Amino acid sequence: MATTSVDNDDDRRHDQERHLRCFREWTALQQDDLAELLDSLALDNDNHPQSLHERLIEKNIRHFREYMENRLRLAKDDVSAFFAPAWCASLENSMMWIAGCRPSLFIRLVYVLCGSEVNENLSAFLEGGEGIGVLGNLADLSSRQLSGINQLQANTIKEEEKLSNKLASLQEEMADHPIATIARRTTQIADSNGEVEHALDKHEKLMLRIMEVADKLRMDTLKEMIEILTPAQAVEFIAAGKKLHLCVHEWAKRRDHRHGRNSGE
């Protein structure tokens, strides 16, 4: 019995190490990709042809898809860990939606970038006319692009609500048959048996399915947004998204340290 307990502890540590390694590799890759994207944006228009932007977009989509595939493979053994990951800081976990970010966040980010660039261009003009047309490409969204983004936002929010309702129903089932019935019959709090494990395994399989569908929605929303944008706009959008994620991660870690918590990463 003691050997089994030790083996289980070793398995858990191994799982935690794999989860952390997956996240660290993804974070490091995002930093490398961000540097490459920012370098391309710093070039003059004549020095970064559309083909370069298209290669960077394809590369970043591939990296995102590979990360989600790796994560999903790990989640098959321990999906609960990805809904409140120990390798993320508390603030990050409070912002999480079904083991990741809300897909609609991609759309809101484009609106914010578009508005901030227009405001900066206007400020530059009022201060003397410098910088008009020099700032980011997202200030130049056409009416057709804005219409497409609005439709994408409506569709994405609708799908998010469906998944949120599914997750809510799954959470409510914890107080329903059979899990609540099993808990009621249990004489010792720590007791576990085949019936318990079967019920919890079934619950986690449903969680995994919801996570898989949420990841697909994240990927589909990202790809549809990129199709709406020009290659130059898409590079700017992807770079901003990566920078936001990396900044929030570091800011959240500092807050955890300030409050005496270890973020686990």
C-alpha atoms as a PDB file:
ATOM      1  CA  MET A   1       0.000   0.000   0.000  1.00  0.00           C
ATOM      2  CA  ALA A   2       2.856   2.375   0.877  1.00  0.00           C
ATOM      3  CA  THR A   3       4.517   1.576  -2.455  1.00  0.00           C
ATOM      4  CA  THR A   4       1.320   2.467  -4.315  1.00  0.00           C
ATOM      5  CA  SER A   5       1.140   5.801  -2.484  1.00  0.00           C
ATOM      6  CA  VAL A   6       4.746   6.606  -3.387  1.00  0.00           C
ATOM      7  CA  ASP A   7       4.111   5.646  -7.013  1.00  0.00           C
ATOM      8  CA  ASN A   8       1.073   7.917  -7.117  1.00  0.00           C
ATOM      9  CA  ASP A   9       3.093  10.810  -5.683  1.00  0.00           C
ATOM     10  CA  ASP A  10       5.780  10.235  -8.314  1.00  0.00           C
ATOM     11  CA  ASP A  11       3.139  10.206 -11.067  1.00  0.00           C
ATOM     12  CA  ARG A  12       1.646  13.467  -9.807  1.00  0.00           C
ATOM     13  CA  ARG A  13       5.057  15.152  -9.683  1.00  0.00           C
ATOM     14  CA  HIS A  14       5.788  13.902 -13.186  1.00  0.00           C
ATOM     15  CA  ASP A  15       2.480  15.328 -14.455  1.00  0.00           C
ATOM     16  CA  GLN A  16       3.163  18.679 -12.782  1.00  0.00           C
ATOM     17  CA  GLU A  17       6.635  18.825 -14.324  1.00  0.00           C
ATOM     18  CA  ARG A  18       5.241  18.114 -17.798  1.00  0.00           C
ATOM     19  CA  HIS A  19       2.538  20.758 -17.380  1.00  0.00           C
ATOM     20  CA  LEU A  20       5.054  23.348 -16.225  1.00  0.00           C
ATOM     21  CA  ARG A  21       7.510  22.474 -18.998  1.00  0.00           C
ATOM     22  CA  CYS A  22       4.769  22.826 -21.615  1.00  0.00           C
ATOM     23  CA  PHE A  23       3.826  26.273 -20.313  1.00  0.00           C
ATOM     24  CA  ARG A  24       7.436  27.466 -19.994  1.00  0.00           C
ATOM     25  CA  GLU A  25       8.247  26.350 -23.523  1.00  0.00           C
ATOM     26  CA  TRP A  26       5.147  28.164 -24.798  1.00  0.00           C
ATOM     27  CA  THR A  27       6.068  31.343 -22.923  1.00  0.00           C
ATOM     28  CA  ALA A  28       9.636  31.261 -24.259  1.00  0.00           C
ATOM     29  CA  LEU A  29       8.341  30.668 -27.783  1.00  0.00           C
ATOM     30  CA  GLN A  30       5.962  33.622 -27.476  1.00  0.00           C
ATOM     31  CA  GLN A  31       8.855  35.849 -26.444  1.00  0.00           C
ATOM     32  CA  ASP A  32      10.874  34.747 -29.485  1.00  0.00           C
ATOM     33  CA  ASP A  33       7.912  35.160 -31.814  1.00  0.00           C
ATOM     34  CA  LEU A  34       7.114  38.595 -30.379  1.00  0.00           C
ATOM     35  CA  ALA A  35      10.665  39.805 -30.979  1.00  0.00           C
ATOM     36  CA  GLU A  36      10.468  38.632 -34.594  1.00  0.00           C
ATOM     37  CA  LEU A  37       7.080  40.278 -35.133  1.00  0.00           C
ATOM     38  CA  LEU A  38       8.239  43.579 -33.633  1.00  0.00           C
ATOM     39  CA  ASP A  39      11.377  43.528 -35.792  1.00  0.00           C
ATOM     40  CA  SER A  40       9.223  43.169 -38.900  1.00  0.00           C
ATOM     41  CA  LEU A  41       6.975  46.047 -37.820  1.00  0.00           C
ATOM     42  CA  ALA A  42      10.008  48.287 -37.269  1.00  0.00           C
ATOM     43  CA  LEU A  43      11.112  47.949 -40.891  1.00  0.00           C
ATOM     44  CA  ASP A  44      10.154  50.442 -43.584  1.00  0.00           C
ATOM     45  CA  ASN A  45       7.266  49.379 -45.789  1.00  0.00           C
ATOM     46  CA  ASP A  46       9.600  48.763 -48.734  1.00  0.00           C
ATOM     47  CA  ASN A  47      11.708  46.368 -46.656  1.00  0.00           C
ATOM     48  CA  HIS A  48       9.045  43.978 -45.420  1.00  0.00           C
ATOM     49  CA  PRO A  49       7.020  42.606 -48.306  1.00  0.00           C
ATOM     50  CA  GLN A  50       3.650  41.005 -47.801  1.00  0.00           C
ATOM     51  CA  SER A  51       5.195  37.549 -48.135  1.00  0.00           C
ATOM     52  CA  LEU A  52       7.247  38.114 -44.961  1.00  0.00           C
ATOM     53  CA  HIS A  53       4.117  39.051 -43.009  1.00  0.00           C
ATOM     54  CA  GLU A  54       2.278  36.033 -44.366  1.00  0.00           C
ATOM     55  CA  ARG A  55       5.130  33.715 -43.304  1.00  0.00           C
ATOM     56  CA  LEU A  56       5.122  35.196 -39.796  1.00  0.00           C
ATOM     57  CA  ILE A  57       1.340  34.845 -39.521  1.00  0.00           C
ATOM     58  CA  GLU A  58       1.447  31.213 -40.647  1.00  0.00           C
ATOM     59  CA  LYS A  59       4.306  30.480 -38.238  1.00  0.00           C
ATOM     60  CA  ASN A  60       2.488  32.016 -35.265  1.00  0.00           C
ATOM     61  CA  ILE A  61      -0.770  30.211 -36.020  1.00  0.00           C
ATOM     62  CA  ARG A  62       1.165  26.948 -36.262  1.00  0.00           C
ATOM     63  CA  HIS A  63       2.834  27.591 -32.893  1.00  0.00           C
ATOM     64  CA  PHE A  64      -0.531  28.344 -31.271  1.00  0.00           C
ATOM     65  CA  ARG A  65      -2.091  25.207 -32.750  1.00  0.00           C
ATOM     66  CA  GLU A  66       0.840  23.024 -31.614  1.00  0.00           C
ATOM     67  CA  TYR A  67       0.653  24.454 -28.093  1.00  0.00           C
ATOM     68  CA  MET A  68      -3.061  23.695 -27.847  1.00  0.00           C
ATOM     69  CA  GLU A  69      -2.490  20.164 -29.161  1.00  0.00           C
ATOM     70  CA  ASN A  70       0.288  19.552 -26.602  1.00  0.00           C
ATOM     71  CA  ARG A  71      -1.838  20.985 -23.822  1.00  0.00           C
ATOM     72  CA  LEU A  72      -4.870  18.903 -24.765  1.00  0.00           C
ATOM     73  CA  ARG A  73      -2.741  15.761 -24.837  1.00  0.00           C
ATOM     74  CA  LEU A  74      -1.570  16.476 -21.279  1.00  0.00           C
ATOM     75  CA  ALA A  75      -5.106  17.370 -20.177  1.00  0.00           C
ATOM     76  CA  LYS A  76      -6.320  13.858 -21.052  1.00  0.00           C
ATOM     77  CA  ASP A  77      -4.540  12.648 -17.914  1.00  0.00           C
ATOM     78  CA  ASP A  78      -5.403  15.603 -15.652  1.00  0.00           C
ATOM     79  CA  VAL A  79      -7.849  18.087 -17.155  1.00  0.00           C
ATOM     80  CA  SER A  80      -8.702  19.814 -13.851  1.00  0.00           C
ATOM     81  CA  ALA A  81      -5.181  21.229 -13.643  1.00  0.00           C
ATOM     82  CA  PHE A  82      -5.787  23.303 -16.773  1.00  0.00           C
ATOM     83  CA  PHE A  83      -8.907  25.019 -15.426  1.00  0.00           C
ATOM     84  CA  ALA A  84      -6.921  26.582 -12.537  1.00  0.00           C
ATOM     85  CA  PRO A  85      -3.270  26.017 -13.486  1.00  0.00           C
ATOM     86  CA  ALA A  86      -0.730  26.122 -10.667  1.00  0.00           C
ATOM     87  CA  TRP A  87       1.859  27.477 -13.111  1.00  0.00           C
ATOM     88  CA  CYS A  88      -0.166  30.668 -13.589  1.00  0.00           C
ATOM     89  CA  ALA A  89      -0.490  33.463 -11.045  1.00  0.00           C
ATOM     90  CA  SER A  90      -3.712  34.060  -9.122  1.00  0.00           C
ATOM     91  CA  LEU A  91      -4.666  37.122 -11.165  1.00  0.00           C
ATOM     92  CA  GLU A  92      -4.270  35.174 -14.400  1.00  0.00           C
ATOM     93  CA  ASN A  93      -6.481  32.375 -13.116  1.00  0.00           C
ATOM     94  CA  SER A  94      -9.159  34.883 -12.111  1.00  0.00           C
ATOM     95  CA  MET A  95      -9.282  36.047 -15.749  1.00  0.00           C
ATOM     96  CA  MET A  96      -9.459  32.552 -17.203  1.00  0.00           C
ATOM     97  CA  TRP A  97     -12.386  31.192 -19.221  1.00  0.00           C
ATOM     98  CA  ILE A  98     -12.525  27.421 -19.763  1.00  0.00           C
ATOM     99  CA  ALA A  99      -8.786  26.803 -19.401  1.00  0.00           C
ATOM    100  CA  GLY A 100      -7.733  29.838 -21.427  1.00  0.00           C
ATOM    101  CA  CYS A 101      -8.692  33.307 -22.579  1.00  0.00           C
ATOM    102  CA  ARG A 102     -12.071  34.254 -23.989  1.00  0.00           C
ATOM    103  CA  PRO A 103     -11.959  34.215 -27.799  1.00  0.00           C
ATOM    104  CA  SER A 104     -13.887  37.503 -27.822  1.00  0.00           C
ATOM    105  CA  LEU A 105     -10.836  39.064 -26.173  1.00  0.00           C
ATOM    106  CA  PHE A 106      -9.102  38.880 -29.569  1.00  0.00           C
ATOM    107  CA  ILE A 107     -11.840  41.051 -31.045  1.00  0.00           C
ATOM    108  CA  ARG A 108     -11.865  43.556 -28.199  1.00  0.00           C
ATOM    109  CA  LEU A 109      -8.098  43.875 -28.561  1.00  0.00           C
ATOM    110  CA  VAL A 110      -8.472  44.908 -32.202  1.00  0.00           C
ATOM    111  CA  TYR A 111     -11.050  47.556 -31.251  1.00  0.00           C
ATOM    112  CA  VAL A 112      -8.751  48.906 -28.535  1.00  0.00           C
ATOM    113  CA  LEU A 113      -5.743  49.011 -30.859  1.00  0.00           C
ATOM    114  CA  CYS A 114      -7.747  50.669 -33.612  1.00  0.00           C
ATOM    115  CA  GLY A 115      -9.126  53.333 -31.247  1.00  0.00           C
ATOM    116  CA  SER A 116      -5.830  54.055 -29.513  1.00  0.00           C
ATOM    117  CA  GLU A 117      -4.002  54.504 -32.819  1.00  0.00           C
ATOM    118  CA  VAL A 118      -6.647  56.898 -34.124  1.00  0.00           C
ATOM    119  CA  ASN A 119      -6.402  58.900 -30.899  1.00  0.00           C
ATOM    120  CA  GLU A 120      -2.607  59.009 -31.073  1.00  0.00           C
ATOM    121  CA  ASN A 121      -2.710  60.143 -34.696  1.00  0.00           C
ATOM    122  CA  LEU A 122      -5.214  62.871 -33.798  1.00  0.00           C
ATOM    123  CA  SER A 123      -3.056  64.043 -30.881  1.00  0.00           C
ATOM    124  CA  ALA A 124      -0.008  64.184 -33.140  1.00  0.00           C
ATOM    125  CA  PHE A 125      -1.955  66.222 -35.683  1.00  0.00           C
ATOM    126  CA  LEU A 126      -3.218  68.696 -33.066  1.00  0.00           C
ATOM    127  CA  GLU A 127       0.312  69.114 -31.741  1.00  0.00           C
ATOM    128  CA  GLY A 128       1.738  70.065 -35.097  1.00  0.00           C
ATOM    129  CA  GLY A 129       0.829  67.601 -37.790  1.00  0.00           C
ATOM    130  CA  GLU A 130       3.628  65.116 -37.131  1.00  0.00           C
ATOM    131  CA  GLY A 131       3.020  61.402 -37.433  1.00  0.00           C
ATOM    132  CA  ILE A 132      -0.154  61.345 -39.509  1.00  0.00           C
ATOM    133  CA  GLY A 133      -0.348  57.961 -41.247  1.00  0.00           C
ATOM    134  CA  VAL A 134       2.886  56.757 -39.627  1.00  0.00           C
ATOM    135  CA  LEU A 135       1.409  54.819 -36.725  1.00  0.00           C
ATOM    136  CA  GLY A 136      -0.001  51.312 -36.792  1.00  0.00           C
ATOM    137  CA  ASN A 137      -1.938  49.708 -39.607  1.00  0.00           C
ATOM    138  CA  LEU A 138      -4.953  48.963 -37.409  1.00  0.00           C
ATOM    139  CA  ALA A 139      -5.937  52.631 -37.514  1.00  0.00           C
ATOM    140  CA  ASP A 140      -6.849  52.078 -41.173  1.00  0.00           C
ATOM    141  CA  LEU A 141      -9.610  49.485 -40.845  1.00  0.00           C
ATOM    142  CA  SER A 142     -12.130  49.813 -43.674  1.00  0.00           C
ATOM    143  CA  SER A 143     -15.892  49.842 -43.214  1.00  0.00           C
ATOM    144  CA  ARG A 144     -16.028  46.337 -44.720  1.00  0.00           C
ATOM    145  CA  GLN A 145     -13.433  45.108 -42.218  1.00  0.00           C
ATOM    146  CA  LEU A 146     -15.306  46.685 -39.306  1.00  0.00           C
ATOM    147  CA  SER A 147     -18.520  45.049 -40.475  1.00  0.00           C
ATOM    148  CA  GLY A 148     -16.757  41.684 -40.620  1.00  0.00           C
ATOM    149  CA  ILE A 149     -15.285  42.160 -37.150  1.00  0.00           C
ATOM    150  CA  ASN A 150     -18.687  43.127 -35.725  1.00  0.00           C
ATOM    151  CA  GLN A 151     -20.237  39.959 -37.182  1.00  0.00           C
ATOM    152  CA  LEU A 152     -17.361  37.844 -35.871  1.00  0.00           C
ATOM    153  CA  GLN A 153     -17.836  39.342 -32.415  1.00  0.00           C
ATOM    154  CA  ALA A 154     -21.559  38.531 -32.404  1.00  0.00           C
ATOM    155  CA  ASN A 155     -20.955  34.945 -33.527  1.00  0.00           C
ATOM    156  CA  THR A 156     -18.105  34.413 -31.062  1.00  0.00           C
ATOM    157  CA  ILE A 157     -20.040  35.738 -28.066  1.00  0.00           C
ATOM    158  CA  LYS A 158     -22.959  33.479 -29.004  1.00  0.00           C
ATOM    159  CA  GLU A 159     -20.669  30.417 -29.019  1.00  0.00           C
ATOM    160  CA  GLU A 160     -19.027  31.513 -25.758  1.00  0.00           C
ATOM    161  CA  GLU A 161     -22.430  31.676 -24.081  1.00  0.00           C
ATOM    162  CA  LYS A 162     -23.259  28.152 -25.239  1.00  0.00           C
ATOM    163  CA  LEU A 163     -20.014  26.802 -23.768  1.00  0.00           C
ATOM    164  CA  SER A 164     -20.416  28.793 -20.546  1.00  0.00           C
ATOM    165  CA  ASN A 165     -23.892  27.295 -20.130  1.00  0.00           C
ATOM    166  CA  LYS A 166     -22.528  23.788 -20.722  1.00  0.00           C
ATOM    167  CA  LEU A 167     -19.831  24.311 -18.107  1.00  0.00           C
ATOM    168  CA  ALA A 168     -22.381  25.725 -15.648  1.00  0.00           C
ATOM    169  CA  SER A 169     -24.590  22.665 -16.154  1.00  0.00           C
ATOM    170  CA  LEU A 170     -21.620  20.379 -15.596  1.00  0.00           C
ATOM    171  CA  GLN A 171     -20.738  22.188 -12.363  1.00  0.00           C
ATOM    172  CA  GLU A 172     -24.330  21.941 -11.167  1.00  0.00           C
ATOM    173  CA  GLU A 173     -24.238  18.192 -11.718  1.00  0.00           C
ATOM    174  CA  MET A 174     -21.759  17.910  -8.823  1.00  0.00           C
ATOM    175  CA  ALA A 175     -24.789  18.369  -6.552  1.00  0.00           C
ATOM    176  CA  ASP A 176     -26.838  15.948  -8.590  1.00  0.00           C
ATOM    177  CA  HIS A 177     -26.931  12.177  -8.998  1.00  0.00           C
ATOM    178  CA  PRO A 178     -24.651  10.205  -8.821  1.00  0.00           C
ATOM    179  CA  ILE A 179     -21.860  12.245  -7.194  1.00  0.00           C
ATOM    180  CA  ALA A 180     -24.022  13.800  -4.465  1.00  0.00           C
ATOM    181  CA  THR A 181     -25.604  10.429  -3.722  1.00  0.00           C
ATOM    182  CA  ILE A 182     -22.198   8.778  -3.383  1.00  0.00           C
ATOM    183  CA  ALA A 183     -20.996  11.560  -1.055  1.00  0.00           C
ATOM    184  CA  ARG A 184     -24.121  11.179   1.084  1.00  0.00           C
ATOM    185  CA  ARG A 185     -23.529   7.434   1.512  1.00  0.00           C
ATOM    186  CA  THR A 186     -19.837   7.840   2.353  1.00  0.00           C
ATOM    187  CA  THR A 187     -19.042   7.157   6.023  1.00  0.00           C
ATOM    188  CA  GLN A 188     -15.528   8.657   5.949  1.00  0.00           C
ATOM    189  CA  ILE A 189     -14.724  11.926   4.169  1.00  0.00           C
ATOM    190  CA  ALA A 190     -11.542  10.545   2.623  1.00  0.00           C
ATOM    191  CA  ASP A 191     -13.131   7.291   1.448  1.00  0.00           C
ATOM    192  CA  SER A 192     -12.781   6.528  -2.246  1.00  0.00           C
ATOM    193  CA  ASN A 193     -13.890   3.525  -4.259  1.00  0.00           C
ATOM    194  CA  GLY A 194     -14.514   2.380  -7.794  1.00  0.00           C
ATOM    195  CA  GLU A 195     -17.902   4.081  -7.947  1.00  0.00           C
ATOM    196  CA  VAL A 196     -16.398   7.410  -6.883  1.00  0.00           C
ATOM    197  CA  GLU A 197     -13.547   7.190  -9.375  1.00  0.00           C
ATOM    198  CA  HIS A 198     -15.927   6.223 -12.188  1.00  0.00           C
ATOM    199  CA  ALA A 199     -18.195   9.221 -11.481  1.00  0.00           C
ATOM    200  CA  LEU A 200     -15.263  11.658 -11.293  1.00  0.00           C
ATOM    201  CA  ASP A 201     -13.638  10.207 -14.413  1.00  0.00           C
ATOM    202  CA  LYS A 202     -16.891  10.746 -16.295  1.00  0.00           C
ATOM    203  CA  HIS A 203     -17.044  14.327 -14.998  1.00  0.00           C
ATOM    204  CA  GLU A 204     -13.479  15.028 -16.158  1.00  0.00           C
ATOM    205  CA  LYS A 205     -14.122  13.544 -19.600  1.00  0.00           C
ATOM    206  CA  LEU A 206     -16.933  16.056 -20.036  1.00  0.00           C
ATOM    207  CA  MET A 207     -14.625  18.850 -18.830  1.00  0.00           C
ATOM    208  CA  LEU A 208     -12.033  17.758 -21.393  1.00  0.00           C
ATOM    209  CA  ARG A 209     -14.613  17.886 -24.165  1.00  0.00           C
ATOM    210  CA  ILE A 210     -15.668  21.410 -23.207  1.00  0.00           C
ATOM    211  CA  MET A 211     -12.017  22.492 -23.098  1.00  0.00           C
ATOM    212  CA  GLU A 212     -11.440  20.967 -26.541  1.00  0.00           C
ATOM    213  CA  VAL A 213     -14.409  22.846 -28.035  1.00  0.00           C
ATOM    214  CA  ALA A 214     -13.295  26.087 -26.313  1.00  0.00           C
ATOM    215  CA  ASP A 215      -9.806  25.686 -27.789  1.00  0.00           C
ATOM    216  CA  LYS A 216     -11.320  25.169 -31.243  1.00  0.00           C
ATOM    217  CA  LEU A 217     -13.348  28.355 -30.804  1.00  0.00           C
ATOM    218  CA  ARG A 218     -10.173  30.224 -29.786  1.00  0.00           C
ATOM    219  CA  MET A 219      -8.352  28.981 -32.881  1.00  0.00           C
ATOM    220  CA  ASP A 220     -11.275  29.584 -35.247  1.00  0.00           C
ATOM    221  CA  THR A 221     -11.774  33.130 -33.930  1.00  0.00           C
ATOM    222  CA  LEU A 222      -8.082  33.930 -34.298  1.00  0.00           C
ATOM    223  CA  LYS A 223      -7.967  32.611 -37.872  1.00  0.00           C
ATOM    224  CA  GLU A 224     -11.172  34.411 -38.884  1.00  0.00           C
ATOM    225  CA  MET A 225      -9.844  37.676 -37.458  1.00  0.00           C
ATOM    226  CA  ILE A 226      -6.620  37.276 -39.401  1.00  0.00           C
ATOM    227  CA  GLU A 227      -8.604  36.640 -42.595  1.00  0.00           C
ATOM    228  CA  ILE A 228     -10.423  39.949 -42.084  1.00  0.00           C
ATOM    229  CA  LEU A 229      -7.215  41.919 -41.496  1.00  0.00           C
ATOM    230  CA  THR A 230      -4.503  42.688 -44.012  1.00  0.00           C
ATOM    231  CA  PRO A 231      -1.190  40.850 -43.441  1.00  0.00           C
ATOM    232  CA  ALA A 232       0.408  43.977 -41.950  1.00  0.00           C
ATOM    233  CA  GLN A 233      -2.583  44.530 -39.643  1.00  0.00           C
ATOM    234  CA  ALA A 234      -2.565  40.860 -38.629  1.00  0.00           C
ATOM    235  CA  VAL A 235       1.119  41.006 -37.657  1.00  0.00           C
ATOM    236  CA  GLU A 236       0.430  44.055 -35.506  1.00  0.00           C
ATOM    237  CA  PHE A 237      -2.583  42.339 -33.915  1.00  0.00           C
ATOM    238  CA  ILE A 238      -0.699  39.106 -33.134  1.00  0.00           C
ATOM    239  CA  ALA A 239       2.227  41.042 -31.679  1.00  0.00           C
ATOM    240  CA  ALA A 240      -0.095  43.061 -29.430  1.00  0.00           C
ATOM    241  CA  GLY A 241      -1.826  39.888 -28.222  1.00  0.00           C
ATOM    242  CA  LYS A 242       1.459  38.195 -27.325  1.00  0.00           C
ATOM    243  CA  LYS A 243       2.745  41.292 -25.566  1.00  0.00           C
ATOM    244  CA  LEU A 244      -0.475  41.578 -23.555  1.00  0.00           C
ATOM    245  CA  HIS A 245      -0.263  37.947 -22.427  1.00  0.00           C
ATOM    246  CA  LEU A 246       3.414  38.167 -21.459  1.00  0.00           C
ATOM    247  CA  CYS A 247       2.941  41.466 -19.603  1.00  0.00           C
ATOM    248  CA  VAL A 248      -0.086  40.235 -17.640  1.00  0.00           C
ATOM    249  CA  HIS A 249       1.819  37.070 -16.718  1.00  0.00           C
ATOM    250  CA  GLU A 250       4.743  39.068 -15.281  1.00  0.00           C
ATOM    251  CA  TRP A 251       2.523  41.634 -13.546  1.00  0.00           C
ATOM    252  CA  ALA A 252       0.434  38.860 -11.978  1.00  0.00           C
ATOM    253  CA  LYS A 253       3.541  37.026 -10.726  1.00  0.00           C
ATOM    254  CA  ARG A 254       4.757  40.210  -9.016  1.00  0.00           C
ATOM    255  CA  ARG A 255       1.401  40.620  -7.283  1.00  0.00           C
ATOM    256  CA  ASP A 256       1.556  37.033  -6.050  1.00  0.00           C
ATOM    257  CA  HIS A 257       5.046  37.603  -4.649  1.00  0.00           C
ATOM    258  CA  ARG A 258       3.842  40.805  -3.002  1.00  0.00           C
ATOM    259  CA  HIS A 259       1.114  38.834  -1.225  1.00  0.00           C
ATOM    260  CA  GLY A 260       3.445  35.998  -0.246  1.00  0.00           C
ATOM    261  CA  ARG A 261       2.157  33.514  -2.826  1.00  0.00           C
ATOM    262  CA  ASN A 262       4.199  31.395  -5.208  1.00  0.00           C
ATOM    263  CA  SER A 263       2.762  31.325  -8.715  1.00  0.00           C
ATOM    264  CA  GLY A 264       4.395  27.963  -9.364  1.00  0.00           C
ATOM    265  CA  GLU A 265       6.252  29.135 -12.482  1.00  0.00           C
END
